């Protein structure tokens, strides 16, 4: 009988301690996982204190509150790009442009970045044609000139040259410049990027009207149609069609399969126009060491969702491809000295002239073409291998799931 008060007090203390433990589980047992007892394995703990057990259901509200309290103090911040980890995210600027800024006044009062970008690889000998081309582009365009002949200051004779970006590297191609100076983060503000050669006749072309057609038909990659009555063509699909605003395929006798390049989903490399999203993809496909860009045109289709619908030729705004081999002359400076020497060569020395001048020019042309074809073979080999690697990795990653399902 004397033990009864003691047992009642002990029972009350144990009950009180039990409820205190439920109320402050983490504070009292900081080294125990919620719902896990030290003398039981994880499997036993899960069976006794799992979501389906009675104690588990009793414990769940406190366990969830503890977890939410533990994470409520975590502040989620944007992940900085590699190299900027030490900076506060609010100061990181990921994108830029090719728009000129003033050296005075408030930055907020500078003119806004233009909507579109025109990039031309140029030599000074083609300045008349380049001047005519740039006058076909409105003030909505920023202009960057890639000078492959090293001559930049001479362009100051044109008023528009003051507002253009001039980048010079001797004897380099348009695609060499594009890979190094048209990174997607640099051209991000521009809705469309025109990456053109310098030898295009633009008498029947207006850039703003061209863009309106491109937007109307939802083209991610496009080019103006080619007027073959005055210039050259390489693929029939790019030839301008009369009484047509634009076309996407070549259904003529030149194409037995309209679904294959170059019968559809195709533009050439001399005058392509890319949307912002398409250029992001194309830039990554350009190989750093393959400077001529041969083979890119047969793979532009990879950079849109539906090539037969999103790649097209604009007929209503067309150009003439003159095919002037200006860059070839930069392959050897000896050519220029020989060209000057021709003015004083006597008629009786014509045979020597042919041997000294024409043959080296032909040899340089052959060497250039050999490089172009070699680059094209290398590009096709690389992209074929990349396709195979992707297919193999996809098969490997999916094979365990398939075997499990079967």
Protein backbone atom coordinates (compact mmCIF):
# COMPACT_ATOMS: atom_id res chain seq x y z
CA UNK A 1 0.00 0.00 0.00
CA UNK A 2 2.89 2.33 0.71
CA UNK A 3 4.17 1.70 -2.80
CA UNK A 4 0.98 2.94 -4.43
CA UNK A 5 1.76 6.69 -4.13
CA UNK A 6 5.29 6.07 -5.38
CA UNK A 7 4.10 4.07 -8.39
CA UNK A 8 1.51 6.70 -9.21
CA UNK A 9 4.16 9.45 -9.06
CA UNK A 10 6.52 7.37 -11.19
CA UNK A 11 3.79 6.72 -13.74
CA UNK A 12 2.91 10.43 -13.87
CA UNK A 13 6.60 11.33 -14.35
CA UNK A 14 7.00 8.80 -17.17
CA UNK A 15 3.85 10.08 -18.89
CA UNK A 16 5.04 13.67 -18.54
CA UNK A 17 8.47 12.75 -19.92
CA UNK A 18 6.90 10.93 -22.86
CA UNK A 19 4.91 13.98 -23.94
CA UNK A 20 7.92 16.24 -23.41
CA UNK A 21 9.85 13.96 -25.76
CA UNK A 22 7.13 14.21 -28.40
CA UNK A 23 7.02 17.97 -28.10
CA UNK A 24 10.80 18.53 -28.41
CA UNK A 25 12.15 15.52 -30.30
CA UNK A 26 15.20 17.17 -31.85
CA UNK A 27 16.17 19.17 -28.77
CA UNK A 28 16.14 16.12 -26.54
CA UNK A 29 17.66 13.64 -29.00
CA UNK A 30 19.88 15.73 -31.29
CA UNK A 31 21.97 12.81 -32.49
CA UNK A 32 19.05 10.57 -33.43
CA UNK A 33 17.28 10.63 -36.75
CA UNK A 34 13.63 11.45 -36.42
CA UNK A 35 11.76 8.25 -35.61
CA UNK A 36 14.90 6.11 -35.34
CA UNK A 37 16.00 4.42 -32.15
CA UNK A 38 19.69 3.75 -31.61
CA UNK A 39 19.33 0.06 -30.92
CA UNK A 40 17.39 -0.67 -34.09
CA UNK A 41 18.54 -0.93 -37.66
CA UNK A 42 17.17 1.38 -40.29
CA UNK A 43 14.88 -1.35 -41.53
CA UNK A 44 13.45 -1.94 -38.08
CA UNK A 45 13.11 1.75 -37.51
CA UNK A 46 11.23 2.14 -40.74
CA UNK A 47 8.93 -0.72 -39.84
CA UNK A 48 8.17 0.68 -36.40
CA UNK A 49 8.16 4.40 -37.12
CA UNK A 50 7.34 4.48 -40.81
CA UNK A 51 4.51 6.40 -42.33
CA UNK A 52 2.18 3.43 -41.98
CA UNK A 53 2.93 2.62 -38.36
CA UNK A 54 0.93 4.04 -35.47
CA UNK A 55 3.90 5.73 -33.88
CA UNK A 56 4.97 6.91 -37.32
CA UNK A 57 1.64 8.63 -37.87
CA UNK A 58 1.90 10.16 -34.39
CA UNK A 59 5.47 11.30 -35.03
CA UNK A 60 4.95 12.63 -38.58
CA UNK A 61 3.72 16.17 -37.78
CA UNK A 62 6.71 16.83 -35.56
CA UNK A 63 9.14 15.31 -38.05
CA UNK A 64 7.81 17.47 -40.92
CA UNK A 65 7.84 20.60 -38.79
CA UNK A 66 11.44 19.89 -37.81
CA UNK A 67 12.49 19.45 -41.45
CA UNK A 68 10.72 22.60 -42.56
CA UNK A 69 12.27 24.56 -39.73
CA UNK A 70 15.71 23.24 -40.66
CA UNK A 71 15.35 24.41 -44.28
CA UNK A 72 13.43 27.61 -43.68
CA UNK A 73 16.66 29.45 -42.88
CA UNK A 74 18.25 28.55 -46.26
CA UNK A 75 18.28 31.40 -48.80
CA UNK A 76 18.22 30.23 -52.40
CA UNK A 77 20.41 32.33 -54.71
CA UNK A 78 21.06 32.17 -58.45
CA UNK A 79 24.05 30.09 -59.44
CA UNK A 80 26.81 32.19 -60.96
CA UNK A 81 28.57 31.04 -64.13
CA UNK A 82 31.95 29.40 -63.81
CA UNK A 83 34.57 31.97 -62.97
CA UNK A 84 32.13 34.33 -61.25
CA UNK A 85 31.48 32.26 -58.15
CA UNK A 86 33.03 34.90 -55.87
CA UNK A 87 30.69 37.64 -57.07
CA UNK A 88 27.24 38.47 -55.71
CA UNK A 89 24.71 37.33 -58.32
CA UNK A 90 23.20 40.78 -58.61
CA UNK A 91 26.36 42.21 -60.22
CA UNK A 92 26.88 39.40 -62.77
CA UNK A 93 26.09 40.38 -66.39
CA UNK A 94 25.86 37.37 -68.70
CA UNK A 95 25.23 39.11 -72.01
CA UNK A 96 26.67 41.95 -74.07
CA UNK A 97 26.25 43.41 -77.57
CA UNK A 98 28.09 45.12 -80.43
CA UNK A 99 26.52 48.52 -79.91
CA UNK A 100 28.79 51.56 -79.57
CA UNK A 101 28.56 53.62 -76.38
CA UNK A 102 29.41 57.24 -75.68
CA UNK A 103 32.33 58.23 -73.49
CA UNK A 104 30.33 61.01 -71.83
CA UNK A 105 26.91 61.63 -70.31
CA UNK A 106 24.74 59.19 -68.41
CA UNK A 107 24.76 55.54 -69.55
CA UNK A 108 20.98 55.51 -69.18
CA UNK A 109 20.77 58.15 -71.90
CA UNK A 110 22.78 56.20 -74.48
CA UNK A 111 20.93 54.99 -77.55
CA UNK A 112 19.41 51.55 -77.16
CA UNK A 113 20.97 48.45 -78.70
CA UNK A 114 19.55 47.88 -82.15
CA UNK A 115 17.23 44.99 -82.92
CA UNK A 116 19.29 43.25 -85.59
CA UNK A 117 22.92 42.62 -86.51
CA UNK A 118 24.67 42.64 -89.89
CA UNK A 119 28.10 40.99 -89.98
CA UNK A 120 30.17 41.16 -93.17
CA UNK A 121 33.60 39.77 -94.02
CA UNK A 122 35.11 42.47 -96.22
CA UNK A 123 38.15 43.57 -98.18
CA UNK A 124 38.72 47.16 -99.24
CA UNK A 125 38.69 46.27 -102.93
CA UNK A 126 34.96 45.48 -102.60
CA UNK A 127 34.11 48.74 -100.79
CA UNK A 128 31.66 49.95 -103.45
CA UNK A 129 29.55 46.83 -103.20
CA UNK A 130 29.79 46.78 -99.40
CA UNK A 131 28.64 50.41 -99.26
CA UNK A 132 25.63 49.56 -101.43
CA UNK A 133 24.82 46.59 -99.18
CA UNK A 134 24.92 48.54 -95.92
CA UNK A 135 22.60 51.21 -97.35
CA UNK A 136 19.97 48.47 -97.71
CA UNK A 137 19.95 47.99 -93.95
CA UNK A 138 18.07 50.44 -91.73
CA UNK A 139 19.05 52.13 -88.49
CA UNK A 140 17.62 49.12 -86.65
CA UNK A 141 20.87 47.29 -87.43
CA UNK A 142 24.21 47.28 -85.71
CA UNK A 143 26.99 46.62 -88.22
CA UNK A 144 30.26 44.75 -87.70
CA UNK A 145 32.87 44.45 -90.44
CA UNK A 146 35.41 41.63 -90.38
CA UNK A 147 38.46 42.91 -92.27
CA UNK A 148 40.47 40.06 -93.75
CA UNK A 149 42.95 42.38 -95.51
CA UNK A 150 44.00 44.48 -92.52
CA UNK A 151 42.70 47.72 -94.04
CA UNK A 152 40.33 49.50 -91.66
CA UNK A 153 41.01 53.24 -91.58
CA UNK A 154 40.39 53.55 -95.32
CA UNK A 155 36.70 52.86 -94.67
CA UNK A 156 36.39 56.24 -92.97
CA UNK A 157 35.43 57.68 -96.34
CA UNK A 158 31.93 56.30 -95.65
CA UNK A 159 29.81 58.11 -93.10
CA UNK A 160 28.26 54.93 -91.76
CA UNK A 161 31.74 53.58 -90.95
CA UNK A 162 31.84 55.76 -87.83
CA UNK A 163 29.01 53.73 -86.30
CA UNK A 164 30.30 50.31 -87.41
CA UNK A 165 32.45 47.89 -85.43
CA UNK A 166 35.72 47.12 -87.24
CA UNK A 167 37.55 43.88 -86.44
CA UNK A 168 40.72 43.10 -88.34
CA UNK A 169 42.66 39.86 -88.79
CA UNK A 170 44.60 39.24 -91.97
CA UNK A 171 43.75 36.32 -94.24
CA UNK A 172 40.91 34.93 -92.10
CA UNK A 173 37.48 33.75 -93.18
CA UNK A 174 33.99 34.81 -92.18
CA UNK A 175 33.49 31.70 -90.06
CA UNK A 176 36.81 32.22 -88.28
CA UNK A 177 35.61 35.68 -87.25
CA UNK A 178 32.12 34.46 -86.35
CA UNK A 179 33.39 31.78 -84.00
CA UNK A 180 35.56 34.26 -82.12
CA UNK A 181 33.48 37.44 -82.09
CA UNK A 182 29.81 36.41 -82.40
CA UNK A 183 29.43 34.30 -79.28
CA UNK A 184 25.73 33.86 -78.38
CA UNK A 185 26.21 35.94 -75.24
CA UNK A 186 27.49 38.81 -77.40
CA UNK A 187 24.67 38.75 -79.95
CA UNK A 188 21.92 37.89 -77.45
CA UNK A 189 20.07 41.25 -77.82
CA UNK A 190 19.62 40.80 -81.58
CA UNK A 191 16.51 39.12 -82.94
CA UNK A 192 18.27 38.19 -86.21
CA UNK A 193 21.89 37.89 -87.29
CA UNK A 194 22.81 38.42 -90.97
CA UNK A 195 26.16 36.72 -91.64
CA UNK A 196 26.91 37.68 -95.24
CA UNK A 197 29.65 37.66 -97.81
CA UNK A 198 30.74 40.93 -99.41
CA UNK A 199 29.98 40.05 -103.06
CA UNK A 200 26.17 40.16 -103.08
CA UNK A 201 24.18 42.42 -105.39
CA UNK A 202 21.36 43.99 -103.40
CA UNK A 203 19.49 46.09 -105.96
CA UNK A 204 16.30 44.11 -105.24
CA UNK A 205 16.75 43.68 -101.51
CA UNK A 206 15.56 45.60 -98.44
CA UNK A 207 16.40 44.25 -95.02
CA UNK A 208 13.27 45.37 -93.14
CA UNK A 209 10.94 43.89 -95.76
CA UNK A 210 12.97 40.69 -95.65
CA UNK A 211 12.59 40.40 -91.87
CA UNK A 212 8.85 40.94 -92.13
CA UNK A 213 8.59 37.93 -94.44
CA UNK A 214 10.82 35.83 -92.20
CA UNK A 215 8.65 36.62 -89.18
CA UNK A 216 5.45 36.01 -91.11
CA UNK A 217 6.52 32.47 -92.05
CA UNK A 218 8.30 31.64 -88.79
CA UNK A 219 11.71 31.01 -90.35
CA UNK A 220 14.56 30.36 -87.94
CA UNK A 221 17.18 30.09 -90.70
CA UNK A 222 16.80 31.68 -94.13
CA UNK A 223 18.51 33.38 -97.05
CA UNK A 224 17.46 35.63 -99.93
CA UNK A 225 16.68 33.94 -103.21
CA UNK A 226 19.40 34.08 -105.88
CA UNK A 227 18.87 35.79 -109.22
CA UNK A 228 20.71 33.41 -111.54
CA UNK A 229 20.13 35.60 -114.60
CA UNK A 230 22.87 37.91 -113.29
CA UNK A 231 24.86 35.79 -110.88
CA UNK A 232 25.90 32.33 -109.81
CA UNK A 233 24.16 29.48 -108.05
CA UNK A 234 25.31 26.21 -106.56
CA UNK A 235 22.04 24.58 -105.50
CA UNK A 236 18.77 24.83 -107.36
CA UNK A 237 16.71 25.15 -104.18
CA UNK A 238 18.19 28.60 -103.48
CA UNK A 239 17.19 30.05 -106.87
CA UNK A 240 14.58 32.82 -106.70
CA UNK A 241 11.11 31.85 -107.84
CA UNK A 242 8.97 34.35 -109.68
CA UNK A 243 5.55 35.31 -108.27
CA UNK A 244 6.46 33.76 -104.92
CA UNK A 245 7.08 35.35 -101.53
CA UNK A 246 9.17 32.49 -100.22
CA UNK A 247 9.69 28.76 -100.65
CA UNK A 248 11.08 25.94 -98.53
CA UNK A 249 11.59 22.99 -100.87
CA UNK A 250 12.73 22.08 -104.34
CA UNK A 251 10.22 19.73 -105.93
CA UNK A 252 11.72 19.85 -109.42
CA UNK A 253 13.58 17.25 -111.38
CA UNK A 254 16.75 18.03 -109.44
CA UNK A 255 15.38 16.37 -106.30
CA UNK A 256 14.27 12.76 -106.24
CA UNK A 257 13.67 12.98 -102.48
CA UNK A 258 12.29 16.31 -101.29
CA UNK A 259 12.97 15.42 -97.66
CA UNK A 260 16.74 15.31 -98.09
CA UNK A 261 19.26 18.13 -98.16
CA UNK A 262 19.64 20.25 -100.22
CA UNK A 263 16.08 19.77 -101.46
CA UNK A 264 14.56 21.12 -98.22
CA UNK A 265 15.69 22.47 -94.88
CA UNK A 266 18.68 24.07 -96.58
CA UNK A 267 20.38 27.43 -97.13
CA UNK A 268 23.90 28.18 -98.36
CA UNK A 269 26.74 29.68 -96.33
CA UNK A 270 27.19 32.84 -98.39
CA UNK A 271 24.14 34.80 -97.10
CA UNK A 272 22.46 33.03 -94.16
CA UNK A 273 20.16 34.79 -91.71
CA UNK A 274 19.69 33.28 -88.25
CA UNK A 275 17.20 33.90 -85.50
CA UNK A 276 18.67 34.37 -82.03
CA UNK A 277 17.86 30.81 -80.95
CA UNK A 278 19.11 29.26 -84.19
CA UNK A 279 22.41 31.13 -83.97
CA UNK A 280 23.02 29.84 -80.45
CA UNK A 281 22.97 26.35 -81.89
CA UNK A 282 24.92 27.12 -85.08
CA UNK A 283 27.70 28.88 -83.16
CA UNK A 284 28.30 25.76 -81.09
CA UNK A 285 28.42 23.65 -84.26
CA UNK A 286 31.14 25.79 -85.87
CA UNK A 287 34.47 24.03 -85.40
CA UNK A 288 37.25 26.21 -84.08
CA UNK A 289 39.92 24.91 -86.45
CA UNK A 290 37.78 24.47 -89.59
CA UNK A 291 37.77 28.01 -90.92
CA UNK A 292 35.99 27.69 -94.28
CA UNK A 293 32.66 26.48 -92.91
CA UNK A 294 32.18 23.85 -95.59
CA UNK A 295 29.58 21.30 -94.52
CA UNK A 296 27.75 23.63 -92.14
CA UNK A 297 25.00 24.32 -94.67
CA UNK A 298 24.08 20.63 -94.83
CA UNK A 299 23.72 20.60 -91.05
CA UNK A 300 21.90 23.86 -90.32
CA UNK A 301 18.75 21.73 -90.08
CA UNK A 302 19.93 20.49 -86.69
CA UNK A 303 19.37 23.96 -85.22
CA UNK A 304 15.60 24.22 -85.71
CA UNK A 305 12.76 22.01 -84.55
CA UNK A 306 11.18 21.44 -87.98
CA UNK A 307 13.69 22.01 -90.82
CA UNK A 308 11.17 21.70 -93.62
CA UNK A 309 9.03 24.44 -92.05
CA UNK A 310 11.57 26.69 -90.33
CA UNK A 311 14.25 26.95 -93.03
CA UNK A 312 13.39 28.77 -96.24
CA UNK A 313 14.36 30.94 -99.18
CA UNK A 314 12.84 34.43 -99.44
CA UNK A 315 11.94 35.09 -103.09
CA UNK A 316 10.38 38.54 -102.74
CA UNK A 317 13.69 39.95 -101.48
CA UNK A 318 16.47 38.51 -103.61
CA UNK A 319 20.16 39.11 -104.28
CA UNK A 320 22.79 38.37 -106.91
CA UNK A 321 25.77 36.26 -105.96
CA UNK A 322 28.69 37.64 -107.96
CA UNK A 323 31.10 34.98 -106.69
CA UNK A 324 34.13 37.28 -106.46
CA UNK A 325 37.07 35.21 -105.07
CA UNK A 326 38.51 38.11 -103.06
CA UNK A 327 39.76 36.14 -100.08
CA UNK A 328 41.84 33.92 -102.33
CA UNK A 329 44.05 36.88 -103.12
CA UNK A 330 44.99 37.11 -99.45
CA UNK A 331 46.52 33.64 -99.47
CA UNK A 332 49.93 34.94 -100.50
CA UNK A 333 51.22 38.51 -100.44
CA UNK A 334 53.48 37.67 -103.41
CA UNK A 335 50.37 37.99 -105.55
CA UNK A 336 50.16 41.71 -104.94
CA UNK A 337 53.79 42.30 -105.90
CA UNK A 338 53.28 40.28 -109.05
CA UNK A 339 50.16 42.26 -109.88
CA UNK A 340 52.12 45.51 -109.77
CA UNK A 341 54.91 43.97 -111.81
CA UNK A 342 52.52 43.13 -114.65
CA UNK A 343 52.23 46.81 -115.53
CA UNK A 344 55.86 46.95 -116.65
CA UNK A 345 56.26 43.54 -118.21
CA UNK A 346 57.00 43.77 -121.91
CA UNK A 347 55.05 41.87 -124.50
CA UNK A 348 58.10 39.76 -125.32
CA UNK A 349 58.20 38.52 -121.72
CA UNK A 350 54.62 37.16 -121.80
CA UNK A 351 55.76 33.59 -121.45
CA UNK A 352 57.80 34.44 -118.36
CA UNK A 353 54.81 36.32 -116.99
CA UNK A 354 52.56 33.31 -117.40
CA UNK A 355 55.03 31.07 -115.63
CA UNK A 356 55.75 33.51 -112.80
CA UNK A 357 52.23 34.79 -112.15
CA UNK A 358 49.43 32.63 -113.49
CA UNK A 359 50.86 29.33 -112.38
CA UNK A 360 51.37 30.40 -108.73
CA UNK A 361 47.86 31.84 -108.67
CA UNK A 362 46.49 28.54 -109.92
CA UNK A 363 48.56 26.67 -107.36
CA UNK A 364 47.28 28.86 -104.55
CA UNK A 365 43.72 28.30 -105.74
CA UNK A 366 44.30 24.54 -105.76
CA UNK A 367 45.79 24.59 -102.27
CA UNK A 368 42.83 26.55 -100.97
CA UNK A 369 40.34 24.11 -102.49
CA UNK A 370 42.26 21.18 -101.08
CA UNK A 371 41.97 22.75 -97.62
CA UNK A 372 38.24 23.36 -98.10
CA UNK A 373 37.52 19.79 -99.14
CA UNK A 374 39.70 18.41 -96.35
CA UNK A 375 37.84 20.54 -93.82
CA UNK A 376 34.51 19.33 -95.16
CA UNK A 377 35.59 15.71 -94.82
CA UNK A 378 36.80 16.35 -91.28
CA UNK A 379 33.56 18.08 -90.34
CA UNK A 380 31.40 15.26 -91.70
CA UNK A 381 33.57 12.72 -89.87
CA UNK A 382 33.30 14.61 -86.58
CA UNK A 383 29.57 15.08 -86.73
CA UNK A 384 29.03 11.46 -87.76
CA UNK A 385 31.11 10.29 -84.81
CA UNK A 386 29.21 12.64 -82.51
CA UNK A 387 25.91 11.19 -83.72
CA UNK A 388 27.17 7.67 -83.06
CA UNK A 389 28.39 8.59 -79.58
CA UNK A 390 25.04 10.15 -78.75
CA UNK A 391 23.15 7.12 -80.04
CA UNK A 392 25.39 4.74 -78.07
CA UNK A 393 25.06 6.76 -74.87
CA UNK A 394 21.31 6.87 -75.26
CA UNK A 395 21.17 3.11 -75.82
CA UNK A 396 23.45 2.45 -72.85
CA UNK A 397 21.52 4.69 -70.49
CA UNK A 398 18.18 3.23 -71.53
CA UNK A 399 19.22 -0.45 -71.60
CA UNK A 400 18.91 -1.10 -67.81
CA UNK A 401 15.40 0.28 -67.84
CA UNK A 402 14.45 -1.85 -70.82
CA UNK A 403 15.86 -5.02 -69.28
CA UNK A 404 14.04 -4.24 -66.04
CA UNK A 405 10.75 -3.78 -67.82
CA UNK A 406 11.17 -6.99 -69.75
